[in-house]
């Protein structure tokens, strides 16, 4: 999995591509922990390039939401691929998180 990062003040956009599975989850967790220790209070996950997500990836998203909430912020998701949207729907994440059609909508 590849992770692109763009930061503007307290907003961080993480562009994810490839597979977010048990092998890739620790790298994303480490990046998010670093962001949580810094000035980030809003995280938007750009999922347009994400092909697959496992339960390990879902766990990272839950941990990010808790981290941002404890810092007075929040996280959101943008541009879910059909495969990832199905996993979000089955896991109840569509009702749990802010889901936006585009990154620009999520950042507004």
PDB file of N, CA and C in Angstrom:
ATOM      1  N   UNK A   1       0.837  -1.167   0.000  1.00  0.00           N
ATOM      2  CA  UNK A   1       0.000   0.000   0.000  1.00  0.00           C
ATOM      3  C   UNK A   1       0.889   1.239   0.000  1.00  0.00           C
ATOM      4  N   UNK A   2       0.418   2.265  -0.700  1.00  0.00           N
ATOM      5  CA  UNK A   2       1.094   3.558  -0.712  1.00  0.00           C
ATOM      6  C   UNK A   2       0.234   4.569   0.034  1.00  0.00           C
ATOM      7  N   UNK A   3       0.909   5.472   0.750  1.00  0.00           N
ATOM      8  CA  UNK A   3       0.227   6.503   1.516  1.00  0.00           C
ATOM      9  C   UNK A   3       0.812   7.852   1.126  1.00  0.00           C
ATOM     10  N   UNK A   4      -0.025   8.688   0.527  1.00  0.00           N
ATOM     11  CA  UNK A   4       0.379  10.055   0.235  1.00  0.00           C
ATOM     12  C   UNK A   4      -0.176  10.956   1.326  1.00  0.00           C
ATOM     13  N   UNK A   5       0.566  11.974   1.697  1.00  0.00           N
ATOM     14  CA  UNK A   5       0.126  12.859   2.777  1.00  0.00           C
ATOM     15  C   UNK A   5       0.216  14.310   2.350  1.00  0.00           C
ATOM     16  N   UNK A   6      -0.866  15.045   2.595  1.00  0.00           N
ATOM     17  CA  UNK A   6      -0.909  16.483   2.366  1.00  0.00           C
ATOM     18  C   UNK A   6      -1.460  17.114   3.630  1.00  0.00           C
ATOM     19  N   UNK A   7      -0.742  18.111   4.167  1.00  0.00           N
ATOM     20  CA  UNK A   7      -1.201  18.757   5.390  1.00  0.00           C
ATOM     21  C   UNK A   7      -1.346  20.248   5.167  1.00  0.00           C
ATOM     22  N   UNK A   8      -2.445  20.781   5.694  1.00  0.00           N
ATOM     23  CA  UNK A   8      -2.705  22.214   5.670  1.00  0.00           C
ATOM     24  C   UNK A   8      -3.252  22.593   7.038  1.00  0.00           C
ATOM     25  N   UNK A   9      -2.393  23.120   7.886  1.00  0.00           N
ATOM     26  CA  UNK A   9      -2.795  23.442   9.251  1.00  0.00           C
ATOM     27  C   UNK A   9      -3.168  22.183  10.016  1.00  0.00           C
ATOM     28  N   UNK A  10      -4.393  22.168  10.548  1.00  0.00           N
ATOM     29  CA  UNK A  10      -4.850  21.017  11.329  1.00  0.00           C
ATOM     30  C   UNK A  10      -5.460  19.917  10.466  1.00  0.00           C
ATOM     31  N   UNK A  11      -5.588  20.150   9.156  1.00  0.00           N
ATOM     32  CA  UNK A  11      -6.178  19.178   8.239  1.00  0.00           C
ATOM     33  C   UNK A  11      -5.096  18.373   7.539  1.00  0.00           C
ATOM     34  N   UNK A  12      -5.245  17.046   7.584  1.00  0.00           N
ATOM     35  CA  UNK A  12      -4.335  16.149   6.886  1.00  0.00           C
ATOM     36  C   UNK A  12      -5.166  15.259   5.969  1.00  0.00           C
ATOM     37  N   UNK A  13      -4.748  15.184   4.706  1.00  0.00           N
ATOM     38  CA  UNK A  13      -5.378  14.270   3.761  1.00  0.00           C
ATOM     39  C   UNK A  13      -4.389  13.136   3.513  1.00  0.00           C
ATOM     40  N   UNK A  14      -4.844  11.925   3.773  1.00  0.00           N
ATOM     41  CA  UNK A  14      -4.036  10.732   3.514  1.00  0.00           C
ATOM     42  C   UNK A  14      -4.636  10.011   2.307  1.00  0.00           C
ATOM     43  N   UNK A  15      -3.896   9.996   1.215  1.00  0.00           N
ATOM     44  CA  UNK A  15      -4.333   9.327  -0.006  1.00  0.00           C
ATOM     45  C   UNK A  15      -3.816   7.889   0.028  1.00  0.00           C
ATOM     46  N   UNK A  16      -4.744   6.947   0.118  1.00  0.00           N
ATOM     47  CA  UNK A  16      -4.395   5.536   0.231  1.00  0.00           C
ATOM     48  C   UNK A  16      -4.566   4.850  -1.111  1.00  0.00           C
ATOM     49  N   UNK A  17      -3.606   4.019  -1.483  1.00  0.00           N
ATOM     50  CA  UNK A  17      -3.747   3.242  -2.716  1.00  0.00           C
ATOM     51  C   UNK A  17      -3.207   1.842  -2.489  1.00  0.00           C
ATOM     52  N   UNK A  18      -3.841   0.896  -3.154  1.00  0.00           N
ATOM     53  CA  UNK A  18      -3.447  -0.502  -3.023  1.00  0.00           C
ATOM     54  C   UNK A  18      -4.329  -1.239  -2.042  1.00  0.00           C
ATOM     55  N   UNK A  19      -3.703  -2.084  -1.236  1.00  0.00           N
ATOM     56  CA  UNK A  19      -4.417  -2.947  -0.290  1.00  0.00           C
ATOM     57  C   UNK A  19      -4.103  -2.551   1.146  1.00  0.00           C
ATOM     58  N   UNK A  20      -5.146  -2.302   1.922  1.00  0.00           N
ATOM     59  CA  UNK A  20      -4.974  -2.029   3.349  1.00  0.00           C
ATOM     60  C   UNK A  20      -5.355  -3.304   4.092  1.00  0.00           C
ATOM     61  N   UNK A  21      -4.334  -4.125   4.340  1.00  0.00           N
ATOM     62  CA  UNK A  21      -4.545  -5.410   5.001  1.00  0.00           C
ATOM     63  C   UNK A  21      -3.632  -5.507   6.211  1.00  0.00           C
ATOM     64  N   UNK A  22      -3.539  -6.682   6.776  1.00  0.00           N
ATOM     65  CA  UNK A  22      -2.726  -6.886   7.973  1.00  0.00           C
ATOM     66  C   UNK A  22      -1.262  -6.532   7.786  1.00  0.00           C
ATOM     67  N   UNK A  23      -0.755  -6.686   6.582  1.00  0.00           N
ATOM     68  CA  UNK A  23       0.647  -6.363   6.323  1.00  0.00           C
ATOM     69  C   UNK A  23       0.868  -4.857   6.216  1.00  0.00           C
ATOM     70  N   UNK A  24      -0.116  -4.130   5.704  1.00  0.00           N
ATOM     71  CA  UNK A  24       0.028  -2.689   5.487  1.00  0.00           C
ATOM     72  C   UNK A  24      -0.453  -1.857   6.671  1.00  0.00           C
ATOM     73  N   UNK A  25      -1.320  -2.407   7.498  1.00  0.00           N
ATOM     74  CA  UNK A  25      -1.927  -1.649   8.597  1.00  0.00           C
ATOM     75  C   UNK A  25      -0.905  -1.033   9.556  1.00  0.00           C
ATOM     76  N   UNK A  26       0.163  -1.729   9.951  1.00  0.00           N
ATOM     77  CA  UNK A  26       1.116  -1.121  10.896  1.00  0.00           C
ATOM     78  C   UNK A  26       1.762   0.168  10.378  1.00  0.00           C
ATOM     79  N   UNK A  27       2.043   0.240   9.083  1.00  0.00           N
ATOM     80  CA  UNK A  27       2.639   1.468   8.528  1.00  0.00           C
ATOM     81  C   UNK A  27       1.657   2.625   8.623  1.00  0.00           C
ATOM     82  N   UNK A  28       0.390   2.377   8.338  1.00  0.00           N
ATOM     83  CA  UNK A  28      -0.618   3.430   8.445  1.00  0.00           C
ATOM     84  C   UNK A  28      -0.824   3.827   9.905  1.00  0.00           C
ATOM     85  N   UNK A  29      -0.839   2.847  10.799  1.00  0.00           N
ATOM     86  CA  UNK A  29      -0.966   3.139  12.235  1.00  0.00           C
ATOM     87  C   UNK A  29       0.165   4.038  12.709  1.00  0.00           C
ATOM     88  N   UNK A  30       1.389   3.743  12.282  1.00  0.00           N
ATOM     89  CA  UNK A  30       2.545   4.542  12.691  1.00  0.00           C
ATOM     90  C   UNK A  30       2.431   5.970  12.169  1.00  0.00           C
ATOM     91  N   UNK A  31       1.980   6.130  10.928  1.00  0.00           N
ATOM     92  CA  UNK A  31       1.827   7.463  10.362  1.00  0.00           C
ATOM     93  C   UNK A  31       0.748   8.245  11.113  1.00  0.00           C
ATOM     94  N   UNK A  32      -0.334   7.597  11.456  1.00  0.00           N
ATOM     95  CA  UNK A  32      -1.421   8.259  12.179  1.00  0.00           C
ATOM     96  C   UNK A  32      -0.984   8.631  13.600  1.00  0.00           C
ATOM     97  N   UNK A  33      -0.229   7.773  14.248  1.00  0.00           N
ATOM     98  CA  UNK A  33       0.280   8.080  15.587  1.00  0.00           C
ATOM     99  C   UNK A  33       1.157   9.325  15.543  1.00  0.00           C
ATOM    100  N   UNK A  34       1.958   9.447  14.510  1.00  0.00           N
ATOM    101  CA  UNK A  34       2.804  10.629  14.339  1.00  0.00           C
ATOM    102  C   UNK A  34       1.937  11.872  14.148  1.00  0.00           C
ATOM    103  N   UNK A  35       0.881  11.746  13.352  1.00  0.00           N
ATOM    104  CA  UNK A  35      -0.019  12.884  13.126  1.00  0.00           C
ATOM    105  C   UNK A  35      -0.721  13.291  14.418  1.00  0.00           C
ATOM    106  N   UNK A  36      -1.150  12.287  15.192  1.00  0.00           N
ATOM    107  CA  UNK A  36      -1.836  12.564  16.455  1.00  0.00           C
ATOM    108  C   UNK A  36      -0.951  13.272  17.457  1.00  0.00           C
ATOM    109  N   UNK A  37       0.343  13.017  17.384  1.00  0.00           N
ATOM    110  CA  UNK A  37       1.285  13.684  18.286  1.00  0.00           C
ATOM    111  C   UNK A  37       1.604  15.100  17.825  1.00  0.00           C
ATOM    112  N   UNK A  38       1.219  15.423  16.582  1.00  0.00           N
ATOM    113  CA  UNK A  38       1.479  16.751  16.037  1.00  0.00           C
ATOM    114  C   UNK A  38       0.253  17.641  16.111  1.00  0.00           C
ATOM    115  N   UNK A  39       0.087  18.460  15.087  1.00  0.00           N
ATOM    116  CA  UNK A  39      -0.983  19.459  15.091  1.00  0.00           C
ATOM    117  C   UNK A  39      -2.259  18.999  14.392  1.00  0.00           C
ATOM    118  N   UNK A  40      -2.286  17.794  13.859  1.00  0.00           N
ATOM    119  CA  UNK A  40      -3.457  17.324  13.102  1.00  0.00           C
ATOM    120  C   UNK A  40      -4.660  17.150  14.022  1.00  0.00           C
ATOM    121  N   UNK A  41      -5.783  17.706  13.599  1.00  0.00           N
ATOM    122  CA  UNK A  41      -7.046  17.533  14.324  1.00  0.00           C
ATOM    123  C   UNK A  41      -8.145  17.011  13.415  1.00  0.00           C
ATOM    124  N   UNK A  42      -7.904  17.068  12.113  1.00  0.00           N
ATOM    125  CA  UNK A  42      -8.835  16.516  11.126  1.00  0.00           C
ATOM    126  C   UNK A  42      -8.049  15.660  10.162  1.00  0.00           C
ATOM    127  N   UNK A  43      -8.517  14.439   9.948  1.00  0.00           N
ATOM    128  CA  UNK A  43      -7.896  13.543   8.983  1.00  0.00           C
ATOM    129  C   UNK A  43      -8.961  13.140   7.975  1.00  0.00           C
ATOM    130  N   UNK A  44      -8.631  13.290   6.706  1.00  0.00           N
ATOM    131  CA  UNK A  44      -9.497  12.825   5.624  1.00  0.00           C
ATOM    132  C   UNK A  44      -8.738  11.723   4.899  1.00  0.00           C
ATOM    133  N   UNK A  45      -9.367  10.577   4.791  1.00  0.00           N
ATOM    134  CA  UNK A  45      -8.795   9.464   4.049  1.00  0.00           C
ATOM    135  C   UNK A  45      -9.338   9.510   2.627  1.00  0.00           C
ATOM    136  N   UNK A  46      -8.453   9.723   1.663  1.00  0.00           N
ATOM    137  CA  UNK A  46      -8.815   9.667   0.250  1.00  0.00           C
ATOM    138  C   UNK A  46      -8.684   8.208  -0.172  1.00  0.00           C
ATOM    139  N   UNK A  47      -9.811   7.554  -0.342  1.00  0.00           N
ATOM    140  CA  UNK A  47      -9.828   6.113  -0.626  1.00  0.00           C
ATOM    141  C   UNK A  47     -10.018   5.798  -2.104  1.00  0.00           C
ATOM    142  N   UNK A  48      -9.833   6.790  -2.973  1.00  0.00           N
ATOM    143  CA  UNK A  48     -10.077   6.578  -4.403  1.00  0.00           C
ATOM    144  C   UNK A  48      -9.153   5.517  -4.999  1.00  0.00           C
ATOM    145  N   UNK A  49      -7.974   5.345  -4.448  1.00  0.00           N
ATOM    146  CA  UNK A  49      -7.041   4.348  -4.959  1.00  0.00           C
ATOM    147  C   UNK A  49      -6.975   3.083  -4.130  1.00  0.00           C
ATOM    148  N   UNK A  50      -7.827   2.986  -3.119  1.00  0.00           N
ATOM    149  CA  UNK A  50      -7.816   1.818  -2.233  1.00  0.00           C
ATOM    150  C   UNK A  50      -8.618   0.690  -2.880  1.00  0.00           C
ATOM    151  N   UNK A  51      -7.936  -0.425  -3.160  1.00  0.00           N
ATOM    152  CA  UNK A  51      -8.563  -1.560  -3.842  1.00  0.00           C
ATOM    153  C   UNK A  51      -9.200  -2.560  -2.886  1.00  0.00           C
ATOM    154  N   UNK A  52      -8.647  -2.642  -1.679  1.00  0.00           N
ATOM    155  CA  UNK A  52      -9.065  -3.689  -0.744  1.00  0.00           C
ATOM    156  C   UNK A  52      -8.828  -3.205   0.674  1.00  0.00           C
ATOM    157  N   UNK A  53      -9.724  -3.594   1.581  1.00  0.00           N
ATOM    158  CA  UNK A  53      -9.521  -3.312   2.996  1.00  0.00           C
ATOM    159  C   UNK A  53      -9.943  -4.527   3.806  1.00  0.00           C
ATOM    160  N   UNK A  54      -9.117  -4.903   4.753  1.00  0.00           N
ATOM    161  CA  UNK A  54      -9.413  -6.036   5.632  1.00  0.00           C
ATOM    162  C   UNK A  54      -9.871  -5.512   6.989  1.00  0.00           C
ATOM    163  N   UNK A  55     -10.164  -6.425   7.886  1.00  0.00           N
ATOM    164  CA  UNK A  55     -10.557  -6.026   9.242  1.00  0.00           C
ATOM    165  C   UNK A  55      -9.432  -5.260   9.940  1.00  0.00           C
ATOM    166  N   UNK A  56      -8.189  -5.556   9.593  1.00  0.00           N
ATOM    167  CA  UNK A  56      -7.062  -4.812  10.175  1.00  0.00           C
ATOM    168  C   UNK A  56      -7.113  -3.346   9.741  1.00  0.00           C
ATOM    169  N   UNK A  57      -7.488  -3.099   8.507  1.00  0.00           N
ATOM    170  CA  UNK A  57      -7.633  -1.737   8.017  1.00  0.00           C
ATOM    171  C   UNK A  57      -8.788  -1.016   8.694  1.00  0.00           C
ATOM    172  N   UNK A  58      -9.893  -1.721   8.874  1.00  0.00           N
ATOM    173  CA  UNK A  58     -11.043  -1.130   9.568  1.00  0.00           C
ATOM    174  C   UNK A  58     -10.665  -0.753  10.996  1.00  0.00           C
ATOM    175  N   UNK A  59      -9.861  -1.584  11.632  1.00  0.00           N
ATOM    176  CA  UNK A  59      -9.413  -1.298  12.996  1.00  0.00           C
ATOM    177  C   UNK A  59      -8.576  -0.027  13.042  1.00  0.00           C
ATOM    178  N   UNK A  60      -7.730   0.189  12.032  1.00  0.00           N
ATOM    179  CA  UNK A  60      -6.928   1.409  11.968  1.00  0.00           C
ATOM    180  C   UNK A  60      -7.842   2.628  11.847  1.00  0.00           C
ATOM    181  N   UNK A  61      -8.893   2.515  11.047  1.00  0.00           N
ATOM    182  CA  UNK A  61      -9.822   3.633  10.888  1.00  0.00           C
ATOM    183  C   UNK A  61     -10.545   3.934  12.201  1.00  0.00           C
ATOM    184  N   UNK A  62     -10.945   2.907  12.925  1.00  0.00           N
ATOM    185  CA  UNK A  62     -11.589   3.113  14.225  1.00  0.00           C
ATOM    186  C   UNK A  62     -10.636   3.780  15.212  1.00  0.00           C
ATOM    187  N   UNK A  63      -9.399   3.326  15.229  1.00  0.00           N
ATOM    188  CA  UNK A  63      -8.404   3.907  16.134  1.00  0.00           C
ATOM    189  C   UNK A  63      -8.144   5.369  15.781  1.00  0.00           C
ATOM    190  N   UNK A  64      -8.134   5.686  14.499  1.00  0.00           N
ATOM    191  CA  UNK A  64      -7.939   7.069  14.064  1.00  0.00           C
ATOM    192  C   UNK A  64      -9.094   7.941  14.530  1.00  0.00           C
ATOM    193  N   UNK A  65     -10.310   7.438  14.390  1.00  0.00           N
ATOM    194  CA  UNK A  65     -11.487   8.199  14.832  1.00  0.00           C
ATOM    195  C   UNK A  65     -11.409   8.482  16.324  1.00  0.00           C
ATOM    196  N   UNK A  66     -11.006   7.503  17.107  1.00  0.00           N
ATOM    197  CA  UNK A  66     -10.878   7.698  18.554  1.00  0.00           C
ATOM    198  C   UNK A  66      -9.778   8.708  18.880  1.00  0.00           C
ATOM    199  N   UNK A  67      -8.668   8.599  18.199  1.00  0.00           N
ATOM    200  CA  UNK A  67      -7.546   9.514  18.417  1.00  0.00           C
ATOM    201  C   UNK A  67      -7.945  10.948  18.086  1.00  0.00           C
ATOM    202  N   UNK A  68      -8.584  11.141  16.946  1.00  0.00           N
ATOM    203  CA  UNK A  68      -8.990  12.491  16.550  1.00  0.00           C
ATOM    204  C   UNK A  68     -10.067  13.033  17.484  1.00  0.00           C
ATOM    205  N   UNK A  69     -10.981  12.179  17.895  1.00  0.00           N
ATOM    206  CA  UNK A  69     -12.042  12.602  18.812  1.00  0.00           C
ATOM    207  C   UNK A  69     -11.456  13.046  20.150  1.00  0.00           C
ATOM    208  N   UNK A  70     -10.477  12.308  20.651  1.00  0.00           N
ATOM    209  CA  UNK A  70      -9.864  12.664  21.931  1.00  0.00           C
ATOM    210  C   UNK A  70      -9.087  13.975  21.840  1.00  0.00           C
ATOM    211  N   UNK A  71      -8.679  14.355  20.610  1.00  0.00           N
ATOM    212  CA  UNK A  71      -7.952  15.609  20.397  1.00  0.00           C
ATOM    213  C   UNK A  71      -8.898  16.742  20.010  1.00  0.00           C
ATOM    214  N   UNK A  72     -10.206  16.467  20.061  1.00  0.00           N
ATOM    215  CA  UNK A  72     -11.181  17.496  19.705  1.00  0.00           C
ATOM    216  C   UNK A  72     -11.407  17.631  18.220  1.00  0.00           C
ATOM    217  N   UNK A  73     -11.007  16.628  17.451  1.00  0.00           N
ATOM    218  CA  UNK A  73     -11.168  16.675  16.000  1.00  0.00           C
ATOM    219  C   UNK A  73     -12.024  15.525  15.499  1.00  0.00           C
ATOM    220  N   UNK A  74     -11.856  15.201  14.237  1.00  0.00           N
ATOM    221  CA  UNK A  74     -12.585  14.072  13.662  1.00  0.00           C
ATOM    222  C   UNK A  74     -11.900  13.602  12.383  1.00  0.00           C
ATOM    223  N   UNK A  75     -12.391  12.489  11.860  1.00  0.00           N
ATOM    224  CA  UNK A  75     -11.881  11.983  10.593  1.00  0.00           C
ATOM    225  C   UNK A  75     -13.051  11.716   9.659  1.00  0.00           C
ATOM    226  N   UNK A  76     -12.756  11.729   8.377  1.00  0.00           N
ATOM    227  CA  UNK A  76     -13.760  11.472   7.361  1.00  0.00           C
ATOM    228  C   UNK A  76     -13.138  10.692   6.213  1.00  0.00           C
ATOM    229  N   UNK A  77     -13.996  10.257   5.309  1.00  0.00           N
ATOM    230  CA  UNK A  77     -13.559   9.421   4.195  1.00  0.00           C
ATOM    231  C   UNK A  77     -14.103   9.987   2.900  1.00  0.00           C
ATOM    232  N   UNK A  78     -13.328   9.864   1.836  1.00  0.00           N
ATOM    233  CA  UNK A  78     -13.729  10.401   0.547  1.00  0.00           C
ATOM    234  C   UNK A  78     -13.448   9.390  -0.562  1.00  0.00           C
ATOM    235  N   UNK A  79     -14.310   9.446  -1.571  1.00  0.00           N
ATOM    236  CA  UNK A  79     -14.112   8.718  -2.824  1.00  0.00           C
ATOM    237  C   UNK A  79     -13.921   7.211  -2.621  1.00  0.00           C
ATOM    238  N   UNK A  80     -14.835   6.589  -1.891  1.00  0.00           N
ATOM    239  CA  UNK A  80     -14.745   5.144  -1.678  1.00  0.00           C
ATOM    240  C   UNK A  80     -14.965   4.397  -2.983  1.00  0.00           C
ATOM    241  N   UNK A  81     -14.090   3.450  -3.260  1.00  0.00           N
ATOM    242  CA  UNK A  81     -14.297   2.584  -4.415  1.00  0.00           C
ATOM    243  C   UNK A  81     -15.483   1.666  -4.115  1.00  0.00           C
ATOM    244  N   UNK A  82     -16.091   1.076  -5.131  1.00  0.00           N
ATOM    245  CA  UNK A  82     -17.236   0.184  -4.878  1.00  0.00           C
ATOM    246  C   UNK A  82     -16.900  -0.968  -3.920  1.00  0.00           C
ATOM    247  N   UNK A  83     -15.701  -1.539  -4.041  1.00  0.00           N
ATOM    248  CA  UNK A  83     -15.308  -2.652  -3.166  1.00  0.00           C
ATOM    249  C   UNK A  83     -15.210  -2.194  -1.710  1.00  0.00           C
ATOM    250  N   UNK A  84     -14.593  -1.043  -1.504  1.00  0.00           N
ATOM    251  CA  UNK A  84     -14.417  -0.527  -0.141  1.00  0.00           C
ATOM    252  C   UNK A  84     -15.768  -0.081   0.420  1.00  0.00           C
ATOM    253  N   UNK A  85     -16.606   0.518  -0.408  1.00  0.00           N
ATOM    254  CA  UNK A  85     -17.945   0.917   0.037  1.00  0.00           C
ATOM    255  C   UNK A  85     -18.730  -0.304   0.511  1.00  0.00           C
ATOM    256  N   UNK A  86     -18.612  -1.426  -0.179  1.00  0.00           N
ATOM    257  CA  UNK A  86     -19.299  -2.653   0.244  1.00  0.00           C
ATOM    258  C   UNK A  86     -18.830  -3.110   1.625  1.00  0.00           C
ATOM    259  N   UNK A  87     -17.526  -3.053   1.860  1.00  0.00           N
ATOM    260  CA  UNK A  87     -16.993  -3.441   3.168  1.00  0.00           C
ATOM    261  C   UNK A  87     -17.490  -2.464   4.244  1.00  0.00           C
ATOM    262  N   UNK A  88     -17.500  -1.178   3.931  1.00  0.00           N
ATOM    263  CA  UNK A  88     -18.016  -0.184   4.877  1.00  0.00           C
ATOM    264  C   UNK A  88     -19.490  -0.446   5.178  1.00  0.00           C
ATOM    265  N   UNK A  89     -20.262  -0.775   4.143  1.00  0.00           N
ATOM    266  CA  UNK A  89     -21.689  -1.036   4.339  1.00  0.00           C
ATOM    267  C   UNK A  89     -21.893  -2.259   5.219  1.00  0.00           C
ATOM    268  N   UNK A  90     -21.195  -3.342   4.934  1.00  0.00           N
ATOM    269  CA  UNK A  90     -21.338  -4.584   5.698  1.00  0.00           C
ATOM    270  C   UNK A  90     -20.893  -4.433   7.152  1.00  0.00           C
ATOM    271  N   UNK A  91     -19.910  -3.578   7.393  1.00  0.00           N
ATOM    272  CA  UNK A  91     -19.380  -3.399   8.750  1.00  0.00           C
ATOM    273  C   UNK A  91     -20.104  -2.302   9.534  1.00  0.00           C
ATOM    274  N   UNK A  92     -21.009  -1.579   8.876  1.00  0.00           N
ATOM    275  CA  UNK A  92     -21.721  -0.501   9.545  1.00  0.00           C
ATOM    276  C   UNK A  92     -20.974   0.820   9.545  1.00  0.00           C
ATOM    277  N   UNK A  93     -19.847   0.899   8.852  1.00  0.00           N
ATOM    278  CA  UNK A  93     -19.047   2.120   8.836  1.00  0.00           C
ATOM    279  C   UNK A  93     -19.726   3.250   8.068  1.00  0.00           C
ATOM    280  N   UNK A  94     -20.624   2.951   7.138  1.00  0.00           N
ATOM    281  CA  UNK A  94     -21.315   4.014   6.404  1.00  0.00           C
ATOM    282  C   UNK A  94     -22.136   4.881   7.347  1.00  0.00           C
ATOM    283  N   UNK A  95     -22.676   4.276   8.399  1.00  0.00           N
ATOM    284  CA  UNK A  95     -23.461   5.019   9.377  1.00  0.00           C
ATOM    285  C   UNK A  95     -22.585   5.620  10.476  1.00  0.00           C
ATOM    286  N   UNK A  96     -21.401   5.082  10.653  1.00  0.00           N
ATOM    287  CA  UNK A  96     -20.523   5.486  11.740  1.00  0.00           C
ATOM    288  C   UNK A  96     -19.668   6.710  11.398  1.00  0.00           C
ATOM    289  N   UNK A  97     -19.280   6.826  10.129  1.00  0.00           N
ATOM    290  CA  UNK A  97     -18.337   7.872   9.722  1.00  0.00           C
ATOM    291  C   UNK A  97     -18.935   8.817   8.694  1.00  0.00           C
ATOM    292  N   UNK A  98     -18.284   9.981   8.562  1.00  0.00           N
ATOM    293  CA  UNK A  98     -18.618  10.906   7.494  1.00  0.00           C
ATOM    294  C   UNK A  98     -18.018  10.366   6.195  1.00  0.00           C
ATOM    295  N   UNK A  99     -18.880  10.136   5.208  1.00  0.00           N
ATOM    296  CA  UNK A  99     -18.435   9.642   3.900  1.00  0.00           C
ATOM    297  C   UNK A  99     -18.795  10.705   2.876  1.00  0.00           C
ATOM    298  N   UNK A 100     -17.816  11.106   2.050  1.00  0.00           N
ATOM    299  CA  UNK A 100     -18.018  12.155   1.056  1.00  0.00           C
ATOM    300  C   UNK A 100     -17.670  11.630  -0.327  1.00  0.00           C
ATOM    301  N   UNK A 101     -18.328  12.158  -1.353  1.00  0.00           N
ATOM    302  CA  UNK A 101     -18.046  11.683  -2.707  1.00  0.00           C
ATOM    303  C   UNK A 101     -16.666  12.103  -3.227  1.00  0.00           C
ATOM    304  N   UNK A 102     -16.159  13.248  -2.760  1.00  0.00           N
ATOM    305  CA  UNK A 102     -14.852  13.729  -3.219  1.00  0.00           C
ATOM    306  C   UNK A 102     -14.022  14.221  -2.037  1.00  0.00           C
ATOM    307  N   UNK A 103     -12.740  14.342  -2.267  1.00  0.00           N
ATOM    308  CA  UNK A 103     -11.850  14.862  -1.236  1.00  0.00           C
ATOM    309  C   UNK A 103     -12.177  16.322  -0.952  1.00  0.00           C
ATOM    310  N   UNK A 104     -12.496  17.088  -1.979  1.00  0.00           N
ATOM    311  CA  UNK A 104     -12.842  18.503  -1.780  1.00  0.00           C
ATOM    312  C   UNK A 104     -14.056  18.639  -0.877  1.00  0.00           C
ATOM    313  N   UNK A 105     -15.057  17.783  -1.061  1.00  0.00           N
ATOM    314  CA  UNK A 105     -16.245  17.804  -0.184  1.00  0.00           C
ATOM    315  C   UNK A 105     -15.860  17.467   1.251  1.00  0.00           C
ATOM    316  N   UNK A 106     -14.993  16.497   1.417  1.00  0.00           N
ATOM    317  CA  UNK A 106     -14.592  16.074   2.765  1.00  0.00           C
ATOM    318  C   UNK A 106     -13.785  17.152   3.474  1.00  0.00           C
ATOM    319  N   UNK A 107     -13.046  17.958   2.717  1.00  0.00           N
ATOM    320  CA  UNK A 107     -12.197  18.990   3.307  1.00  0.00           C
ATOM    321  C   UNK A 107     -12.957  20.287   3.583  1.00  0.00           C
ATOM    322  N   UNK A 108     -14.138  20.417   3.002  1.00  0.00           N
ATOM    323  CA  UNK A 108     -14.908  21.672   3.160  1.00  0.00           C
ATOM    324  C   UNK A 108     -15.424  21.845   4.560  1.00  0.00           C
TER     325      UNK A 108
END
